[in-house]
Each structure stands twice: as C-alpha cells, then as structure tokens.
C-alpha cells in the first residue's frame, strides 16, 4: 500500500529484482488517500481499507509505504505508531509499515547507476554523486537533485518508471536506510538481522 501515484506507476518495475532477492511475489500497489501532515489516527484510518484490500487479494503480508516528508518524528517511531494503530483495527494478516525518509524521490536518487545507464535522459555530476554516496540518499533534497540530473523537464511518474526500470535494489539499499528497512520487511536475506548499516555487498 502506497501514498503516491509515482509509487503506483513505478514500483512494479522493481518487482523482478525484488523477487530474485527475496523469493517473494508482490501484488499491484494499492493507493491510499493520505495527507502527510495528518494526525497518526487519520493516517491509520486511511490505511485500513487498502490493507484489508491487500488481504482480500490473498496477500500474506501487507507493507504500508509512507512518506515522512517534513514531519518531526523519527521514521521508526512514526512507523511504529501507525503499525500499532493498524494492528488494533486489522486482524486479517501480517502488516509492516515503512516510512520513506523523506519521500519516494530519495529512493529514486539512491541508485545513480540507474540514471547513468540512460545518458540520453540524465547526466550525473560528481557533485550529485557526492551528495548521495555513500549511504546519504535519505538526507538529500531529492527532487531538486533529480531535476538537476534530468536533461529536460523532470516528470514525476514517467521518470520514476524510467529510473526503477534500471535500478538495483541492493544499490538503493547501500545508500538509503529507509529502503533497507523495506528490504528487511520483505525478508531480503541481506537484511534479515538489521537495516541500520548497508550490507557488505549491494547485489
């Protein structure tokens, strides 16, 4: 379950690689109508129906992906509050909550190799690489950086699909702790024990 149209349109591009890493199959993303600045209770309420919808599609695990954006809570605490609220309201199956720090674009910028493979569309400077690598993608102002790398007008949904079509989840994980948290939730073997630090190998 996701909170943005970019995720709906582009996350399936990662599914083959995620399946290779985890052995798990992934359903089509379900969008929830969430306001990032809403109280936790309102966010939980907006997530309940999409989570139930996932279980109605025979999912074993519903992963809720949310942006933190400019909220003051740390991602782990924010995710834990939402998870506790969902577990009180949904008893159909297992739920995990991952808070993207700060937004989906921070995951997109984490594998600069995916941009470098598309030289007709993107140009990655050494200055851009220095902001992202290593393990700094969650801390950059990602959307302006993506726009700087794009040779023409950056298009939120279309460029997300282009980037993730060439991205390596292991490399994203090297540079984004919040993405590593997602890998841990889907039982990626490199992050079964922890997600604080990147694994020794990104592939």
C-alpha atoms as a PDB file:
ATOM      1  CA  UNK A   1       0.000   0.000   0.000  1.00  0.00           C
ATOM      2  CA  UNK A   2       1.416   3.375  -1.025  1.00  0.00           C
ATOM      3  CA  UNK A   3       0.662   7.071  -0.639  1.00  0.00           C
ATOM      4  CA  UNK A   4       1.583   8.403  -4.096  1.00  0.00           C
ATOM      5  CA  UNK A   5       0.869   7.970  -7.788  1.00  0.00           C
ATOM      6  CA  UNK A   6       4.577   7.667  -8.590  1.00  0.00           C
ATOM      7  CA  UNK A   7       4.818   4.551  -6.436  1.00  0.00           C
ATOM      8  CA  UNK A   8       1.732   3.035  -8.054  1.00  0.00           C
ATOM      9  CA  UNK A   9       3.155   3.538 -11.513  1.00  0.00           C
ATOM     10  CA  UNK A  10       6.790   2.689 -10.928  1.00  0.00           C
ATOM     11  CA  UNK A  11       7.314   0.263  -8.033  1.00  0.00           C
ATOM     12  CA  UNK A  12       6.342  -2.777 -10.146  1.00  0.00           C
ATOM     13  CA  UNK A  13       9.487  -2.076 -12.195  1.00  0.00           C
ATOM     14  CA  UNK A  14      11.453  -3.311  -9.166  1.00  0.00           C
ATOM     15  CA  UNK A  15       9.403  -6.456  -8.630  1.00  0.00           C
ATOM     16  CA  UNK A  16      11.533  -8.850 -10.748  1.00  0.00           C
ATOM     17  CA  UNK A  17      14.714  -7.827  -8.902  1.00  0.00           C
ATOM     18  CA  UNK A  18      12.981  -7.963  -5.517  1.00  0.00           C
ATOM     19  CA  UNK A  19      11.683 -11.432  -6.330  1.00  0.00           C
ATOM     20  CA  UNK A  20      15.205 -12.561  -7.225  1.00  0.00           C
ATOM     21  CA  UNK A  21      16.479 -11.282  -3.891  1.00  0.00           C
ATOM     22  CA  UNK A  22      13.688 -12.451  -1.586  1.00  0.00           C
ATOM     23  CA  UNK A  23      11.754 -15.147  -3.425  1.00  0.00           C
ATOM     24  CA  UNK A  24       8.546 -13.257  -2.665  1.00  0.00           C
ATOM     25  CA  UNK A  25       5.895 -12.239  -5.173  1.00  0.00           C
ATOM     26  CA  UNK A  26       4.396  -8.761  -4.990  1.00  0.00           C
ATOM     27  CA  UNK A  27       0.918  -7.541  -5.799  1.00  0.00           C
ATOM     28  CA  UNK A  28      -0.026  -4.340  -7.581  1.00  0.00           C
ATOM     29  CA  UNK A  29       0.408  -1.297  -5.331  1.00  0.00           C
ATOM     30  CA  UNK A  30      -2.784  -0.008  -3.752  1.00  0.00           C
ATOM     31  CA  UNK A  31      -3.002   3.746  -3.215  1.00  0.00           C
ATOM     32  CA  UNK A  32      -4.406   5.219  -0.013  1.00  0.00           C
ATOM     33  CA  UNK A  33      -5.630   8.792   0.291  1.00  0.00           C
ATOM     34  CA  UNK A  34      -3.193  10.093   2.894  1.00  0.00           C
ATOM     35  CA  UNK A  35      -2.168  13.609   3.824  1.00  0.00           C
ATOM     36  CA  UNK A  36       1.470  13.503   5.042  1.00  0.00           C
ATOM     37  CA  UNK A  37       0.845  16.083   7.774  1.00  0.00           C
ATOM     38  CA  UNK A  38      -2.332  14.431   9.110  1.00  0.00           C
ATOM     39  CA  UNK A  39      -2.520  13.094  12.688  1.00  0.00           C
ATOM     40  CA  UNK A  40      -1.455   9.487  13.114  1.00  0.00           C
ATOM     41  CA  UNK A  41      -5.038   8.406  13.798  1.00  0.00           C
ATOM     42  CA  UNK A  42      -6.216   9.863  10.491  1.00  0.00           C
ATOM     43  CA  UNK A  43      -3.362   8.144   8.640  1.00  0.00           C
ATOM     44  CA  UNK A  44      -4.243   4.828  10.269  1.00  0.00           C
ATOM     45  CA  UNK A  45      -7.876   5.288   9.275  1.00  0.00           C
ATOM     46  CA  UNK A  46      -6.895   5.961   5.656  1.00  0.00           C
ATOM     47  CA  UNK A  47      -4.738   2.810   5.587  1.00  0.00           C
ATOM     48  CA  UNK A  48      -7.269   0.343   6.989  1.00  0.00           C
ATOM     49  CA  UNK A  49      -9.321  -0.258   3.836  1.00  0.00           C
ATOM     50  CA  UNK A  50      -6.346  -0.580   1.453  1.00  0.00           C
ATOM     51  CA  UNK A  51      -4.666  -3.024   3.864  1.00  0.00           C
ATOM     52  CA  UNK A  52      -7.843  -5.093   4.040  1.00  0.00           C
ATOM     53  CA  UNK A  53      -7.999  -4.961   0.250  1.00  0.00           C
ATOM     54  CA  UNK A  54      -4.496  -6.426   0.066  1.00  0.00           C
ATOM     55  CA  UNK A  55      -5.507  -9.332   2.282  1.00  0.00           C
ATOM     56  CA  UNK A  56      -8.644  -9.829   0.193  1.00  0.00           C
ATOM     57  CA  UNK A  57      -6.241 -10.395  -2.715  1.00  0.00           C
ATOM     58  CA  UNK A  58      -4.631 -13.220  -0.694  1.00  0.00           C
ATOM     59  CA  UNK A  59      -1.554 -11.305   0.433  1.00  0.00           C
ATOM     60  CA  UNK A  60       0.433 -12.885   3.286  1.00  0.00           C
ATOM     61  CA  UNK A  61       1.965  -9.539   4.241  1.00  0.00           C
ATOM     62  CA  UNK A  62       0.706  -6.003   3.670  1.00  0.00           C
ATOM     63  CA  UNK A  63       3.541  -3.473   3.507  1.00  0.00           C
ATOM     64  CA  UNK A  64       2.462   0.122   4.048  1.00  0.00           C
ATOM     65  CA  UNK A  65       4.878   2.648   2.461  1.00  0.00           C
ATOM     66  CA  UNK A  66       4.537   6.248   3.618  1.00  0.00           C
ATOM     67  CA  UNK A  67       6.483   9.478   3.164  1.00  0.00           C
ATOM     68  CA  UNK A  68       7.774  11.241   6.262  1.00  0.00           C
ATOM     69  CA  UNK A  69       8.326  14.470   4.331  1.00  0.00           C
ATOM     70  CA  UNK A  70       8.788  17.294   6.868  1.00  0.00           C
ATOM     71  CA  UNK A  71       7.308  15.616   9.941  1.00  0.00           C
ATOM     72  CA  UNK A  72       9.406  15.927  13.086  1.00  0.00           C
ATOM     73  CA  UNK A  73       9.032  12.301  14.238  1.00  0.00           C
ATOM     74  CA  UNK A  74      11.869   9.904  13.504  1.00  0.00           C
ATOM     75  CA  UNK A  75      10.842   7.402  10.811  1.00  0.00           C
ATOM     76  CA  UNK A  76      10.989   4.413  13.174  1.00  0.00           C
ATOM     77  CA  UNK A  77       8.774   5.991  15.807  1.00  0.00           C
ATOM     78  CA  UNK A  78       6.310   7.261  13.204  1.00  0.00           C
ATOM     79  CA  UNK A  79       6.100   3.805  11.611  1.00  0.00           C
ATOM     80  CA  UNK A  80       5.648   2.113  14.999  1.00  0.00           C
ATOM     81  CA  UNK A  81       2.702   4.377  15.886  1.00  0.00           C
ATOM     82  CA  UNK A  82       0.960   3.647  12.614  1.00  0.00           C
ATOM     83  CA  UNK A  83       1.645  -0.081  12.896  1.00  0.00           C
ATOM     84  CA  UNK A  84       0.188  -0.211  16.408  1.00  0.00           C
ATOM     85  CA  UNK A  85      -2.945   1.556  15.196  1.00  0.00           C
ATOM     86  CA  UNK A  86      -3.351  -0.785  12.244  1.00  0.00           C
ATOM     87  CA  UNK A  87      -2.922  -3.897  14.357  1.00  0.00           C
ATOM     88  CA  UNK A  88      -5.800  -2.700  16.530  1.00  0.00           C
ATOM     89  CA  UNK A  89      -8.068  -2.397  13.505  1.00  0.00           C
ATOM     90  CA  UNK A  90      -6.919  -5.108  11.081  1.00  0.00           C
ATOM     91  CA  UNK A  91      -6.715  -8.747  12.091  1.00  0.00           C
ATOM     92  CA  UNK A  92      -6.690 -10.361   8.655  1.00  0.00           C
ATOM     93  CA  UNK A  93      -2.921 -10.871   8.368  1.00  0.00           C
ATOM     94  CA  UNK A  94       0.587  -9.574   8.964  1.00  0.00           C
ATOM     95  CA  UNK A  95       1.282  -5.865   8.433  1.00  0.00           C
ATOM     96  CA  UNK A  96       4.552  -3.905   8.159  1.00  0.00           C
ATOM     97  CA  UNK A  97       4.953  -0.136   7.966  1.00  0.00           C
ATOM     98  CA  UNK A  98       7.921   1.557   6.288  1.00  0.00           C
ATOM     99  CA  UNK A  99       8.371   5.323   6.343  1.00  0.00           C
ATOM    100  CA  UNK A 100      10.333   6.664   3.384  1.00  0.00           C
ATOM    101  CA  UNK A 101      12.829   9.238   4.571  1.00  0.00           C
ATOM    102  CA  UNK A 102      11.910  11.700   3.389  1.00  0.00           C
ATOM    103  CA  UNK A 103       9.997  10.759   0.286  1.00  0.00           C
ATOM    104  CA  UNK A 104       9.913   8.351  -2.644  1.00  0.00           C
ATOM    105  CA  UNK A 105      12.341  10.518  -4.630  1.00  0.00           C
ATOM    106  CA  UNK A 106      15.027   9.789  -2.011  1.00  0.00           C
ATOM    107  CA  UNK A 107      14.795   6.155  -3.053  1.00  0.00           C
ATOM    108  CA  UNK A 108      14.929   7.084  -6.748  1.00  0.00           C
ATOM    109  CA  UNK A 109      18.144   9.075  -6.339  1.00  0.00           C
ATOM    110  CA  UNK A 110      19.828   6.327  -4.284  1.00  0.00           C
ATOM    111  CA  UNK A 111      20.976   4.290  -7.292  1.00  0.00           C
ATOM    112  CA  UNK A 112      22.727   6.800  -9.516  1.00  0.00           C
ATOM    113  CA  UNK A 113      23.817   3.950 -11.740  1.00  0.00           C
ATOM    114  CA  UNK A 114      20.209   3.689 -12.950  1.00  0.00           C
ATOM    115  CA  UNK A 115      20.443   7.279 -14.164  1.00  0.00           C
ATOM    116  CA  UNK A 116      23.903   6.838 -15.677  1.00  0.00           C
ATOM    117  CA  UNK A 117      22.589   3.961 -17.805  1.00  0.00           C
ATOM    118  CA  UNK A 118      20.238   6.429 -19.500  1.00  0.00           C
ATOM    119  CA  UNK A 119      22.663   9.062 -20.764  1.00  0.00           C
ATOM    120  CA  UNK A 120      20.169  10.462 -23.219  1.00  0.00           C
ATOM    121  CA  UNK A 121      17.918  11.423 -20.343  1.00  0.00           C
ATOM    122  CA  UNK A 122      20.187  12.039 -17.337  1.00  0.00           C
ATOM    123  CA  UNK A 123      23.617  13.448 -16.537  1.00  0.00           C
ATOM    124  CA  UNK A 124      25.049  12.693 -13.092  1.00  0.00           C
ATOM    125  CA  UNK A 125      27.734  15.071 -11.888  1.00  0.00           C
ATOM    126  CA  UNK A 126      30.431  14.278  -9.351  1.00  0.00           C
ATOM    127  CA  UNK A 127      28.792  16.806  -7.033  1.00  0.00           C
ATOM    128  CA  UNK A 128      25.485  14.911  -7.239  1.00  0.00           C
ATOM    129  CA  UNK A 129      27.217  11.612  -6.523  1.00  0.00           C
ATOM    130  CA  UNK A 130      28.963  13.115  -3.508  1.00  0.00           C
ATOM    131  CA  UNK A 131      25.591  14.116  -2.032  1.00  0.00           C
ATOM    132  CA  UNK A 132      24.180  10.590  -2.353  1.00  0.00           C
ATOM    133  CA  UNK A 133      27.100   8.208  -1.859  1.00  0.00           C
ATOM    134  CA  UNK A 134      27.669   6.552   0.357  1.00  0.00           C
ATOM    135  CA  UNK A 135      24.575   5.974   2.469  1.00  0.00           C
ATOM    136  CA  UNK A 136      23.383   9.600   2.277  1.00  0.00           C
ATOM    137  CA  UNK A 137      20.381   9.399  -0.061  1.00  0.00           C
ATOM    138  CA  UNK A 138      17.834   9.804   2.749  1.00  0.00           C
ATOM    139  CA  UNK A 139      19.312  13.172   3.695  1.00  0.00           C
ATOM    140  CA  UNK A 140      19.384  14.953   0.343  1.00  0.00           C
ATOM    141  CA  UNK A 141      16.743  17.265  -1.101  1.00  0.00           C
ATOM    142  CA  UNK A 142      15.961  14.616  -3.677  1.00  0.00           C
ATOM    143  CA  UNK A 143      13.512  16.240  -6.081  1.00  0.00           C
ATOM    144  CA  UNK A 144      15.725  19.237  -6.976  1.00  0.00           C
ATOM    145  CA  UNK A 145      18.671  16.879  -7.370  1.00  0.00           C
ATOM    146  CA  UNK A 146      16.712  14.651  -9.749  1.00  0.00           C
ATOM    147  CA  UNK A 147      15.712  17.734 -11.719  1.00  0.00           C
ATOM    148  CA  UNK A 148      19.369  18.784 -11.932  1.00  0.00           C
ATOM    149  CA  UNK A 149      20.298  15.360 -13.292  1.00  0.00           C
ATOM    150  CA  UNK A 150      17.477  15.376 -15.841  1.00  0.00           C
ATOM    151  CA  UNK A 151      18.403  16.845 -19.229  1.00  0.00           C
ATOM    152  CA  UNK A 152      14.846  18.066 -19.874  1.00  0.00           C
ATOM    153  CA  UNK A 153      11.759  18.637 -17.750  1.00  0.00           C
ATOM    154  CA  UNK A 154      11.572  16.095 -14.914  1.00  0.00           C
ATOM    155  CA  UNK A 155       8.280  14.182 -14.964  1.00  0.00           C
ATOM    156  CA  UNK A 156       7.400  12.695 -11.611  1.00  0.00           C
ATOM    157  CA  UNK A 157       5.692   9.459 -12.687  1.00  0.00           C
ATOM    158  CA  UNK A 158       7.381   8.836 -16.027  1.00  0.00           C
ATOM    159  CA  UNK A 159      10.903   9.413 -14.697  1.00  0.00           C
ATOM    160  CA  UNK A 160      10.238   7.238 -11.650  1.00  0.00           C
ATOM    161  CA  UNK A 161       9.393   4.383 -14.021  1.00  0.00           C
ATOM    162  CA  UNK A 162      12.496   5.031 -16.142  1.00  0.00           C
ATOM    163  CA  UNK A 163      14.764   5.051 -13.099  1.00  0.00           C
ATOM    164  CA  UNK A 164      13.366   1.973 -11.374  1.00  0.00           C
ATOM    165  CA  UNK A 165      13.392   0.014 -14.636  1.00  0.00           C
ATOM    166  CA  UNK A 166      17.210   0.191 -14.430  1.00  0.00           C
ATOM    167  CA  UNK A 167      17.686   0.287 -10.654  1.00  0.00           C
ATOM    168  CA  UNK A 168      19.298  -2.353  -8.449  1.00  0.00           C
ATOM    169  CA  UNK A 169      17.535  -2.756  -5.073  1.00  0.00           C
ATOM    170  CA  UNK A 170      20.839  -3.744  -3.499  1.00  0.00           C
ATOM    171  CA  UNK A 171      22.438  -0.475  -4.575  1.00  0.00           C
ATOM    172  CA  UNK A 172      19.441   1.546  -3.394  1.00  0.00           C
ATOM    173  CA  UNK A 173      19.867  -0.214  -0.071  1.00  0.00           C
ATOM    174  CA  UNK A 174      23.520   0.777   0.134  1.00  0.00           C
ATOM    175  CA  UNK A 175      22.574   4.444   0.144  1.00  0.00           C
ATOM    176  CA  UNK A 176      19.125   4.564   1.807  1.00  0.00           C
ATOM    177  CA  UNK A 177      18.460   3.276   5.294  1.00  0.00           C
ATOM    178  CA  UNK A 178      14.691   3.615   4.871  1.00  0.00           C
ATOM    179  CA  UNK A 179      14.858   1.423   1.754  1.00  0.00           C
ATOM    180  CA  UNK A 180      16.890  -1.122   3.716  1.00  0.00           C
ATOM    181  CA  UNK A 181      14.050  -1.159   6.235  1.00  0.00           C
ATOM    182  CA  UNK A 182      11.687  -2.058   3.416  1.00  0.00           C
ATOM    183  CA  UNK A 183      14.052  -4.827   2.289  1.00  0.00           C
ATOM    184  CA  UNK A 184      14.096  -6.181   5.814  1.00  0.00           C
ATOM    185  CA  UNK A 185      10.279  -6.167   5.963  1.00  0.00           C
ATOM    186  CA  UNK A 186      10.050  -8.211   2.755  1.00  0.00           C
ATOM    187  CA  UNK A 187      12.604 -10.656   4.200  1.00  0.00           C
ATOM    188  CA  UNK A 188      15.514  -9.842   1.945  1.00  0.00           C
ATOM    189  CA  UNK A 189      18.306 -12.205   3.043  1.00  0.00           C
ATOM    190  CA  UNK A 190      20.895  -9.396   3.289  1.00  0.00           C
ATOM    191  CA  UNK A 191      18.802  -7.539   5.850  1.00  0.00           C
ATOM    192  CA  UNK A 192      17.152 -10.199   7.963  1.00  0.00           C
ATOM    193  CA  UNK A 193      19.087  -9.188  11.091  1.00  0.00           C
ATOM    194  CA  UNK A 194      19.423  -5.395  10.782  1.00  0.00           C
ATOM    195  CA  UNK A 195      18.859  -2.466   8.461  1.00  0.00           C
ATOM    196  CA  UNK A 196      20.873   0.251  10.177  1.00  0.00           C
ATOM    197  CA  UNK A 197      24.008  -0.383   8.147  1.00  0.00           C
ATOM    198  CA  UNK A 198      24.408  -1.343   4.473  1.00  0.00           C
ATOM    199  CA  UNK A 199      25.227  -4.966   3.773  1.00  0.00           C
ATOM    200  CA  UNK A 200      28.748  -5.749   2.626  1.00  0.00           C
ATOM    201  CA  UNK A 201      27.582  -6.223  -0.954  1.00  0.00           C
ATOM    202  CA  UNK A 202      24.837  -4.330  -2.725  1.00  0.00           C
ATOM    203  CA  UNK A 203      23.988  -7.116  -5.155  1.00  0.00           C
END
